[in-house]
mmCIF file of all heavy atoms, coordinates in Angstrom:
data_MODEL
# 
_entry.id   MODEL 
# 
loop_
_atom_site.group_PDB 
_atom_site.id 
_atom_site.type_symbol 
_atom_site.label_atom_id 
_atom_site.label_alt_id 
_atom_site.label_comp_id 
_atom_site.label_asym_id 
_atom_site.label_entity_id 
_atom_site.label_seq_id 
_atom_site.pdbx_PDB_ins_code 
_atom_site.Cartn_x 
_atom_site.Cartn_y 
_atom_site.Cartn_z 
_atom_site.occupancy 
_atom_site.B_iso_or_equiv 
_atom_site.pdbx_formal_charge 
_atom_site.auth_seq_id 
_atom_site.auth_comp_id 
_atom_site.auth_asym_id 
_atom_site.auth_atom_id 
_atom_site.pdbx_PDB_model_num 
ATOM 1   N N   . PHE A 1 1  ? 4.607  21.452  17.652  1.00 0.00 ? 1  PHE A N   1 
ATOM 2   C CA  . PHE A 1 1  ? 4.911  20.404  16.689  1.00 0.00 ? 1  PHE A CA  1 
ATOM 3   C C   . PHE A 1 1  ? 3.579  19.886  16.137  1.00 0.00 ? 1  PHE A C   1 
ATOM 4   O O   . PHE A 1 1  ? 2.709  19.480  16.910  1.00 0.00 ? 1  PHE A O   1 
ATOM 5   C CB  . PHE A 1 1  ? 5.674  19.247  17.336  1.00 0.00 ? 1  PHE A CB  1 
ATOM 6   C CG  . PHE A 1 1  ? 7.109  19.542  17.640  1.00 0.00 ? 1  PHE A CG  1 
ATOM 7   C CD1 . PHE A 1 1  ? 7.463  20.385  18.678  1.00 0.00 ? 1  PHE A CD1 1 
ATOM 8   C CD2 . PHE A 1 1  ? 8.128  18.960  16.885  1.00 0.00 ? 1  PHE A CD2 1 
ATOM 9   C CE1 . PHE A 1 1  ? 8.793  20.666  18.965  1.00 0.00 ? 1  PHE A CE1 1 
ATOM 10  C CE2 . PHE A 1 1  ? 9.465  19.226  17.170  1.00 0.00 ? 1  PHE A CE2 1 
ATOM 11  C CZ  . PHE A 1 1  ? 9.799  20.080  18.196  1.00 0.00 ? 1  PHE A CZ  1 
ATOM 12  N N   . LYS A 1 2  ? 3.436  19.893  14.841  1.00 0.00 ? 2  LYS A N   1 
ATOM 13  C CA  . LYS A 1 2  ? 2.217  19.380  14.232  1.00 0.00 ? 2  LYS A CA  1 
ATOM 14  C C   . LYS A 1 2  ? 2.559  18.684  12.926  1.00 0.00 ? 2  LYS A C   1 
ATOM 15  O O   . LYS A 1 2  ? 3.584  18.981  12.301  1.00 0.00 ? 2  LYS A O   1 
ATOM 16  C CB  . LYS A 1 2  ? 1.208  20.502  13.984  1.00 0.00 ? 2  LYS A CB  1 
ATOM 17  C CG  . LYS A 1 2  ? 1.729  21.652  13.143  1.00 0.00 ? 2  LYS A CG  1 
ATOM 18  C CD  . LYS A 1 2  ? 0.704  22.776  13.066  1.00 0.00 ? 2  LYS A CD  1 
ATOM 19  C CE  . LYS A 1 2  ? 1.228  23.969  12.284  1.00 0.00 ? 2  LYS A CE  1 
ATOM 20  N NZ  . LYS A 1 2  ? 0.253  25.073  12.243  1.00 0.00 ? 2  LYS A NZ  1 
ATOM 21  N N   . GLY A 1 3  ? 1.698  17.752  12.519  1.00 0.00 ? 3  GLY A N   1 
ATOM 22  C CA  . GLY A 1 3  ? 2.029  17.035  11.298  1.00 0.00 ? 3  GLY A CA  1 
ATOM 23  C C   . GLY A 1 3  ? 0.980  16.027  10.894  1.00 0.00 ? 3  GLY A C   1 
ATOM 24  O O   . GLY A 1 3  ? -0.057 15.854  11.544  1.00 0.00 ? 3  GLY A O   1 
ATOM 25  N N   . LEU A 1 4  ? 1.283  15.332  9.773   1.00 0.00 ? 4  LEU A N   1 
ATOM 26  C CA  . LEU A 1 4  ? 0.407  14.331  9.187   1.00 0.00 ? 4  LEU A CA  1 
ATOM 27  C C   . LEU A 1 4  ? 1.209  13.066  8.907   1.00 0.00 ? 4  LEU A C   1 
ATOM 28  O O   . LEU A 1 4  ? 2.407  13.134  8.610   1.00 0.00 ? 4  LEU A O   1 
ATOM 29  C CB  . LEU A 1 4  ? -0.205 14.839  7.876   1.00 0.00 ? 4  LEU A CB  1 
ATOM 30  C CG  . LEU A 1 4  ? -1.043 16.113  7.938   1.00 0.00 ? 4  LEU A CG  1 
ATOM 31  C CD1 . LEU A 1 4  ? -1.330 16.611  6.526   1.00 0.00 ? 4  LEU A CD1 1 
ATOM 32  C CD2 . LEU A 1 4  ? -2.349 15.866  8.682   1.00 0.00 ? 4  LEU A CD2 1 
ATOM 33  N N   . GLU A 1 5  ? 0.531  11.916  8.982   1.00 0.00 ? 5  GLU A N   1 
ATOM 34  C CA  . GLU A 1 5  ? 1.150  10.628  8.664   1.00 0.00 ? 5  GLU A CA  1 
ATOM 35  C C   . GLU A 1 5  ? 0.135  9.744   7.961   1.00 0.00 ? 5  GLU A C   1 
ATOM 36  O O   . GLU A 1 5  ? -1.066 9.829   8.247   1.00 0.00 ? 5  GLU A O   1 
ATOM 37  C CB  . GLU A 1 5  ? 1.608  9.904   9.940   1.00 0.00 ? 5  GLU A CB  1 
ATOM 38  C CG  . GLU A 1 5  ? 2.661  10.609  10.739  1.00 0.00 ? 5  GLU A CG  1 
ATOM 39  C CD  . GLU A 1 5  ? 2.832  10.027  12.124  1.00 0.00 ? 5  GLU A CD  1 
ATOM 40  O OE1 . GLU A 1 5  ? 2.016  9.158   12.515  1.00 0.00 ? 5  GLU A OE1 1 
ATOM 41  O OE2 . GLU A 1 5  ? 3.768  10.444  12.822  1.00 0.00 ? 5  GLU A OE2 1 
ATOM 42  N N   . GLY A 1 6  ? 0.600  8.930   7.052   1.00 0.00 ? 6  GLY A N   1 
ATOM 43  C CA  . GLY A 1 6  ? -0.303 8.000   6.389   1.00 0.00 ? 6  GLY A CA  1 
ATOM 44  C C   . GLY A 1 6  ? 0.446  6.838   5.789   1.00 0.00 ? 6  GLY A C   1 
ATOM 45  O O   . GLY A 1 6  ? 1.613  6.949   5.396   1.00 0.00 ? 6  GLY A O   1 
ATOM 46  N N   . GLU A 1 7  ? -0.216 5.693   5.706   1.00 0.00 ? 7  GLU A N   1 
ATOM 47  C CA  . GLU A 1 7  ? 0.354  4.517   5.057   1.00 0.00 ? 7  GLU A CA  1 
ATOM 48  C C   . GLU A 1 7  ? -0.779 3.602   4.621   1.00 0.00 ? 7  GLU A C   1 
ATOM 49  O O   . GLU A 1 7  ? -1.878 3.628   5.185   1.00 0.00 ? 7  GLU A O   1 
ATOM 50  C CB  . GLU A 1 7  ? 1.316  3.767   5.978   1.00 0.00 ? 7  GLU A CB  1 
ATOM 51  C CG  . GLU A 1 7  ? 0.689  3.225   7.240   1.00 0.00 ? 7  GLU A CG  1 
ATOM 52  C CD  . GLU A 1 7  ? 1.704  2.516   8.118   1.00 0.00 ? 7  GLU A CD  1 
ATOM 53  O OE1 . GLU A 1 7  ? 2.655  1.930   7.567   1.00 0.00 ? 7  GLU A OE1 1 
ATOM 54  O OE2 . GLU A 1 7  ? 1.556  2.556   9.350   1.00 0.00 ? 7  GLU A OE2 1 
ATOM 55  N N   . GLY A 1 8  ? -0.517 2.805   3.583   1.00 0.00 ? 8  GLY A N   1 
ATOM 56  C CA  . GLY A 1 8  ? -1.532 1.885   3.097   1.00 0.00 ? 8  GLY A CA  1 
ATOM 57  C C   . GLY A 1 8  ? -0.915 0.738   2.333   1.00 0.00 ? 8  GLY A C   1 
ATOM 58  O O   . GLY A 1 8  ? 0.206  0.836   1.817   1.00 0.00 ? 8  GLY A O   1 
ATOM 59  N N   . LYS A 1 9  ? -1.647 -0.364  2.264   1.00 0.00 ? 9  LYS A N   1 
ATOM 60  C CA  . LYS A 1 9  ? -1.222 -1.537  1.504   1.00 0.00 ? 9  LYS A CA  1 
ATOM 61  C C   . LYS A 1 9  ? -2.447 -2.105  0.799   1.00 0.00 ? 9  LYS A C   1 
ATOM 62  O O   . LYS A 1 9  ? -3.480 -2.346  1.441   1.00 0.00 ? 9  LYS A O   1 
ATOM 63  C CB  . LYS A 1 9  ? -0.592 -2.587  2.422   1.00 0.00 ? 9  LYS A CB  1 
ATOM 64  C CG  . LYS A 1 9  ? -0.043 -3.797  1.684   1.00 0.00 ? 9  LYS A CG  1 
ATOM 65  C CD  . LYS A 1 9  ? 0.653  -4.749  2.648   1.00 0.00 ? 9  LYS A CD  1 
ATOM 66  C CE  . LYS A 1 9  ? 1.258  -5.947  1.924   1.00 0.00 ? 9  LYS A CE  1 
ATOM 67  N NZ  . LYS A 1 9  ? 1.942  -6.874  2.867   1.00 0.00 ? 9  LYS A NZ  1 
ATOM 68  N N   . PHE A 1 10 ? -2.327 -2.322  -0.525  1.00 0.00 ? 10 PHE A N   1 
ATOM 69  C CA  . PHE A 1 10 ? -3.471 -2.726  -1.318  1.00 0.00 ? 10 PHE A CA  1 
ATOM 70  C C   . PHE A 1 10 ? -3.072 -3.871  -2.252  1.00 0.00 ? 10 PHE A C   1 
ATOM 71  O O   . PHE A 1 10 ? -2.055 -3.792  -2.941  1.00 0.00 ? 10 PHE A O   1 
ATOM 72  C CB  . PHE A 1 10 ? -3.986 -1.546  -2.150  1.00 0.00 ? 10 PHE A CB  1 
ATOM 73  C CG  . PHE A 1 10 ? -4.264 -0.307  -1.340  1.00 0.00 ? 10 PHE A CG  1 
ATOM 74  C CD1 . PHE A 1 10 ? -3.273 0.658   -1.154  1.00 0.00 ? 10 PHE A CD1 1 
ATOM 75  C CD2 . PHE A 1 10 ? -5.503 -0.114  -0.751  1.00 0.00 ? 10 PHE A CD2 1 
ATOM 76  C CE1 . PHE A 1 10 ? -3.519 1.790   -0.408  1.00 0.00 ? 10 PHE A CE1 1 
ATOM 77  C CE2 . PHE A 1 10 ? -5.754 1.024   0.006   1.00 0.00 ? 10 PHE A CE2 1 
ATOM 78  C CZ  . PHE A 1 10 ? -4.770 1.979   0.188   1.00 0.00 ? 10 PHE A CZ  1 
ATOM 79  N N   . ARG A 1 11 ? -3.879 -4.936  -2.284  1.00 0.00 ? 11 ARG A N   1 
ATOM 80  C CA  . ARG A 1 11 ? -3.668 -6.028  -3.218  1.00 0.00 ? 11 ARG A CA  1 
ATOM 81  C C   . ARG A 1 11 ? -4.228 -5.588  -4.575  1.00 0.00 ? 11 ARG A C   1 
ATOM 82  O O   . ARG A 1 11 ? -5.438 -5.396  -4.727  1.00 0.00 ? 11 ARG A O   1 
ATOM 83  C CB  . ARG A 1 11 ? -4.365 -7.285  -2.708  1.00 0.00 ? 11 ARG A CB  1 
ATOM 84  C CG  . ARG A 1 11 ? -4.308 -8.489  -3.643  1.00 0.00 ? 11 ARG A CG  1 
ATOM 85  C CD  . ARG A 1 11 ? -2.890 -8.978  -3.910  1.00 0.00 ? 11 ARG A CD  1 
ATOM 86  N NE  . ARG A 1 11 ? -2.112 -9.262  -2.734  1.00 0.00 ? 11 ARG A NE  1 
ATOM 87  C CZ  . ARG A 1 11 ? -2.098 -10.438 -2.092  1.00 0.00 ? 11 ARG A CZ  1 
ATOM 88  N NH1 . ARG A 1 11 ? -2.852 -11.434 -2.528  1.00 0.00 ? 11 ARG A NH1 1 
ATOM 89  N NH2 . ARG A 1 11 ? -1.320 -10.615 -1.035  1.00 0.00 ? 11 ARG A NH2 1 
ATOM 90  N N   . VAL A 1 12 ? -3.356 -5.432  -5.557  1.00 0.00 ? 12 VAL A N   1 
ATOM 91  C CA  . VAL A 1 12 ? -3.769 -4.920  -6.863  1.00 0.00 ? 12 VAL A CA  1 
ATOM 92  C C   . VAL A 1 12 ? -3.827 -6.002  -7.929  1.00 0.00 ? 12 VAL A C   1 
ATOM 93  O O   . VAL A 1 12 ? -4.361 -5.772  -9.023  1.00 0.00 ? 12 VAL A O   1 
ATOM 94  C CB  . VAL A 1 12 ? -2.839 -3.763  -7.329  1.00 0.00 ? 12 VAL A CB  1 
ATOM 95  C CG1 . VAL A 1 12 ? -2.960 -2.579  -6.392  1.00 0.00 ? 12 VAL A CG1 1 
ATOM 96  C CG2 . VAL A 1 12 ? -1.387 -4.232  -7.420  1.00 0.00 ? 12 VAL A CG2 1 
ATOM 97  N N   . TYR A 1 13 ? -3.264 -7.179  -7.638  1.00 0.00 ? 13 TYR A N   1 
ATOM 98  C CA  . TYR A 1 13 ? -3.289 -8.242  -8.636  1.00 0.00 ? 13 TYR A CA  1 
ATOM 99  C C   . TYR A 1 13 ? -3.117 -9.590  -7.958  1.00 0.00 ? 13 TYR A C   1 
ATOM 100 O O   . TYR A 1 13 ? -2.288 -9.751  -7.059  1.00 0.00 ? 13 TYR A O   1 
ATOM 101 C CB  . TYR A 1 13 ? -2.170 -8.043  -9.669  1.00 0.00 ? 13 TYR A CB  1 
ATOM 102 C CG  . TYR A 1 13 ? -2.014 -9.197  -10.630 1.00 0.00 ? 13 TYR A CG  1 
ATOM 103 C CD1 . TYR A 1 13 ? -2.884 -9.357  -11.704 1.00 0.00 ? 13 TYR A CD1 1 
ATOM 104 C CD2 . TYR A 1 13 ? -0.995 -10.133 -10.456 1.00 0.00 ? 13 TYR A CD2 1 
ATOM 105 C CE1 . TYR A 1 13 ? -2.745 -10.430 -12.589 1.00 0.00 ? 13 TYR A CE1 1 
ATOM 106 C CE2 . TYR A 1 13 ? -0.851 -11.206 -11.332 1.00 0.00 ? 13 TYR A CE2 1 
ATOM 107 C CZ  . TYR A 1 13 ? -1.730 -11.346 -12.400 1.00 0.00 ? 13 TYR A CZ  1 
ATOM 108 O OH  . TYR A 1 13 ? -1.595 -12.401 -13.258 1.00 0.00 ? 13 TYR A OH  1 
ATOM 109 N N   . GLU A 1 14 ? -3.924 -10.550 -8.382  1.00 0.00 ? 14 GLU A N   1 
ATOM 110 C CA  . GLU A 1 14 ? -3.783 -11.939 -7.976  1.00 0.00 ? 14 GLU A CA  1 
ATOM 111 C C   . GLU A 1 14 ? -3.927 -12.810 -9.207  1.00 0.00 ? 14 GLU A C   1 
ATOM 112 O O   . GLU A 1 14 ? -4.860 -12.649 -9.988  1.00 0.00 ? 14 GLU A O   1 
ATOM 113 C CB  . GLU A 1 14 ? -4.838 -12.330 -6.930  1.00 0.00 ? 14 GLU A CB  1 
ATOM 114 C CG  . GLU A 1 14 ? -4.618 -11.707 -5.570  1.00 0.00 ? 14 GLU A CG  1 
ATOM 115 C CD  . GLU A 1 14 ? -5.633 -12.183 -4.540  1.00 0.00 ? 14 GLU A CD  1 
ATOM 116 O OE1 . GLU A 1 14 ? -6.687 -12.704 -4.963  1.00 0.00 ? 14 GLU A OE1 1 
ATOM 117 O OE2 . GLU A 1 14 ? -5.387 -12.029 -3.337  1.00 0.00 ? 14 GLU A OE2 1 
ATOM 118 N N   . GLY A 1 15 ? -3.019 -13.703 -9.432  1.00 0.00 ? 15 GLY A N   1 
ATOM 119 C CA  . GLY A 1 15 ? -3.027 -14.552 -10.618 1.00 0.00 ? 15 GLY A CA  1 
ATOM 120 C C   . GLY A 1 15 ? -1.729 -15.312 -10.682 1.00 0.00 ? 15 GLY A C   1 
ATOM 121 O O   . GLY A 1 15 ? -1.492 -16.242 -9.912  1.00 0.00 ? 15 GLY A O   1 
ATOM 122 N N   . THR A 1 16 ? -0.876 -14.910 -11.616 1.00 0.00 ? 16 THR A N   1 
ATOM 123 C CA  . THR A 1 16 ? 0.476  -15.468 -11.662 1.00 0.00 ? 16 THR A CA  1 
ATOM 124 C C   . THR A 1 16 ? 1.309  -14.739 -10.621 1.00 0.00 ? 16 THR A C   1 
ATOM 125 O O   . THR A 1 16 ? 2.038  -13.794 -10.904 1.00 0.00 ? 16 THR A O   1 
ATOM 126 C CB  . THR A 1 16 ? 1.085  -15.300 -13.062 1.00 0.00 ? 16 THR A CB  1 
ATOM 127 O OG1 . THR A 1 16 ? 0.203  -15.850 -14.038 1.00 0.00 ? 16 THR A OG1 1 
ATOM 128 C CG2 . THR A 1 16 ? 2.441  -16.003 -13.135 1.00 0.00 ? 16 THR A CG2 1 
ATOM 129 N N   . GLY A 1 17 ? 1.147  -15.132 -9.396  1.00 0.00 ? 17 GLY A N   1 
ATOM 130 C CA  . GLY A 1 17 ? 1.757  -14.417 -8.278  1.00 0.00 ? 17 GLY A CA  1 
ATOM 131 C C   . GLY A 1 17 ? 0.814  -13.370 -7.723  1.00 0.00 ? 17 GLY A C   1 
ATOM 132 O O   . GLY A 1 17 ? -0.290 -13.141 -8.240  1.00 0.00 ? 17 GLY A O   1 
ATOM 133 N N   . ASP A 1 18 ? 1.234  -12.719 -6.642  1.00 0.00 ? 18 ASP A N   1 
ATOM 134 C CA  . ASP A 1 18 ? 0.458  -11.662 -5.991  1.00 0.00 ? 18 ASP A CA  1 
ATOM 135 C C   . ASP A 1 18 ? 1.244  -10.360 -6.023  1.00 0.00 ? 18 ASP A C   1 
ATOM 136 O O   . ASP A 1 18 ? 2.460  -10.355 -5.784  1.00 0.00 ? 18 ASP A O   1 
ATOM 137 C CB  . ASP A 1 18 ? 0.158  -12.034 -4.537  1.00 0.00 ? 18 ASP A CB  1 
ATOM 138 C CG  . ASP A 1 18 ? -0.667 -13.309 -4.431  1.00 0.00 ? 18 ASP A CG  1 
ATOM 139 O OD1 . ASP A 1 18 ? -1.526 -13.528 -5.314  1.00 0.00 ? 18 ASP A OD1 1 
ATOM 140 O OD2 . ASP A 1 18 ? -0.437 -14.076 -3.474  1.00 0.00 ? 18 ASP A OD2 1 
ATOM 141 N N   . LEU A 1 19 ? 0.543  -9.262  -6.289  1.00 0.00 ? 19 LEU A N   1 
ATOM 142 C CA  . LEU A 1 19 ? 1.177  -7.948  -6.363  1.00 0.00 ? 19 LEU A CA  1 
ATOM 143 C C   . LEU A 1 19 ? 0.458  -6.997  -5.424  1.00 0.00 ? 19 LEU A C   1 
ATOM 144 O O   . LEU A 1 19 ? -0.770 -6.826  -5.508  1.00 0.00 ? 19 LEU A O   1 
ATOM 145 C CB  . LEU A 1 19 ? 1.138  -7.407  -7.791  1.00 0.00 ? 19 LEU A CB  1 
ATOM 146 C CG  . LEU A 1 19 ? 1.796  -6.035  -8.019  1.00 0.00 ? 19 LEU A CG  1 
ATOM 147 C CD1 . LEU A 1 19 ? 3.301  -6.116  -7.761  1.00 0.00 ? 19 LEU A CD1 1 
ATOM 148 C CD2 . LEU A 1 19 ? 1.508  -5.524  -9.424  1.00 0.00 ? 19 LEU A CD2 1 
ATOM 149 N N   . ASP A 1 20 ? 1.216  -6.389  -4.500  1.00 0.00 ? 20 ASP A N   1 
ATOM 150 C CA  . ASP A 1 20 ? 0.678  -5.411  -3.563  1.00 0.00 ? 20 ASP A CA  1 
ATOM 151 C C   . ASP A 1 20 ? 1.296  -4.046  -3.822  1.00 0.00 ? 20 ASP A C   1 
ATOM 152 O O   . ASP A 1 20 ? 2.493  -3.934  -4.131  1.00 0.00 ? 20 ASP A O   1 
ATOM 153 C CB  . ASP A 1 20 ? 0.984  -5.819  -2.121  1.00 0.00 ? 20 ASP A CB  1 
ATOM 154 C CG  . ASP A 1 20 ? 0.242  -7.069  -1.706  1.00 0.00 ? 20 ASP A CG  1 
ATOM 155 O OD1 . ASP A 1 20 ? -0.897 -7.261  -2.170  1.00 0.00 ? 20 ASP A OD1 1 
ATOM 156 O OD2 . ASP A 1 20 ? 0.806  -7.863  -0.922  1.00 0.00 ? 20 ASP A OD2 1 
ATOM 157 N N   . LEU A 1 21 ? 0.482  -3.017  -3.665  1.00 0.00 ? 21 LEU A N   1 
ATOM 158 C CA  . LEU A 1 21 ? 0.932  -1.631  -3.739  1.00 0.00 ? 21 LEU A CA  1 
ATOM 159 C C   . LEU A 1 21 ? 0.993  -1.075  -2.328  1.00 0.00 ? 21 LEU A C   1 
ATOM 160 O O   . LEU A 1 21 ? 0.047  -1.222  -1.550  1.00 0.00 ? 21 LEU A O   1 
ATOM 161 C CB  . LEU A 1 21 ? -0.028 -0.797  -4.584  1.00 0.00 ? 21 LEU A CB  1 
ATOM 162 C CG  . LEU A 1 21 ? 0.146  0.729   -4.526  1.00 0.00 ? 21 LEU A CG  1 
ATOM 163 C CD1 . LEU A 1 21 ? 1.464  1.147   -5.171  1.00 0.00 ? 21 LEU A CD1 1 
ATOM 164 C CD2 . LEU A 1 21 ? -1.035 1.434   -5.193  1.00 0.00 ? 21 LEU A CD2 1 
ATOM 165 N N   . THR A 1 22 ? 2.106  -0.423  -1.972  1.00 0.00 ? 22 THR A N   1 
ATOM 166 C CA  . THR A 1 22 ? 2.233  0.230   -0.670  1.00 0.00 ? 22 THR A CA  1 
ATOM 167 C C   . THR A 1 22 ? 2.402  1.730   -0.869  1.00 0.00 ? 22 THR A C   1 
ATOM 168 O O   . THR A 1 22 ? 3.046  2.180   -1.822  1.00 0.00 ? 22 THR A O   1 
ATOM 169 C CB  . THR A 1 22 ? 3.432  -0.318  0.119   1.00 0.00 ? 22 THR A CB  1 
ATOM 170 O OG1 . THR A 1 22 ? 4.641  -0.059  -0.607  1.00 0.00 ? 22 THR A OG1 1 
ATOM 171 C CG2 . THR A 1 22 ? 3.294  -1.813  0.353   1.00 0.00 ? 22 THR A CG2 1 
ATOM 172 N N   . LEU A 1 23 ? 1.813  2.510   0.024   1.00 0.00 ? 23 LEU A N   1 
ATOM 173 C CA  . LEU A 1 23 ? 1.908  3.963   0.004   1.00 0.00 ? 23 LEU A CA  1 
ATOM 174 C C   . LEU A 1 23 ? 2.287  4.449   1.393   1.00 0.00 ? 23 LEU A C   1 
ATOM 175 O O   . LEU A 1 23 ? 1.880  3.864   2.402   1.00 0.00 ? 23 LEU A O   1 
ATOM 176 C CB  . LEU A 1 23 ? 0.577  4.599   -0.409  1.00 0.00 ? 23 LEU A CB  1 
ATOM 177 C CG  . LEU A 1 23 ? 0.018  4.224   -1.785  1.00 0.00 ? 23 LEU A CG  1 
ATOM 178 C CD1 . LEU A 1 23 ? -1.387 4.805   -1.950  1.00 0.00 ? 23 LEU A CD1 1 
ATOM 179 C CD2 . LEU A 1 23 ? 0.933  4.723   -2.895  1.00 0.00 ? 23 LEU A CD2 1 
ATOM 180 N N   . ARG A 1 24 ? 3.049  5.508   1.480   1.00 0.00 ? 24 ARG A N   1 
ATOM 181 C CA  . ARG A 1 24 ? 3.378  6.108   2.773   1.00 0.00 ? 24 ARG A CA  1 
ATOM 182 C C   . ARG A 1 24 ? 3.758  7.565   2.603   1.00 0.00 ? 24 ARG A C   1 
ATOM 183 O O   . ARG A 1 24 ? 4.158  7.995   1.521   1.00 0.00 ? 24 ARG A O   1 
ATOM 184 C CB  . ARG A 1 24 ? 4.525  5.360   3.458   1.00 0.00 ? 24 ARG A CB  1 
ATOM 185 C CG  . ARG A 1 24 ? 5.850  5.343   2.693   1.00 0.00 ? 24 ARG A CG  1 
ATOM 186 C CD  . ARG A 1 24 ? 6.862  4.474   3.416   1.00 0.00 ? 24 ARG A CD  1 
ATOM 187 N NE  . ARG A 1 24 ? 8.059  4.216   2.645   1.00 0.00 ? 24 ARG A NE  1 
ATOM 188 C CZ  . ARG A 1 24 ? 9.253  4.728   2.918   1.00 0.00 ? 24 ARG A CZ  1 
ATOM 189 N NH1 . ARG A 1 24 ? 9.388  5.553   3.938   1.00 0.00 ? 24 ARG A NH1 1 
ATOM 190 N NH2 . ARG A 1 24 ? 10.308 4.422   2.183   1.00 0.00 ? 24 ARG A NH2 1 
# 
């Protein structure tokens, strides 16, 4: 059994509210 995993969270905008981008 072999494999890869990944995830991330990035703040892409702050101003009128906050916007985060998530990847997985």
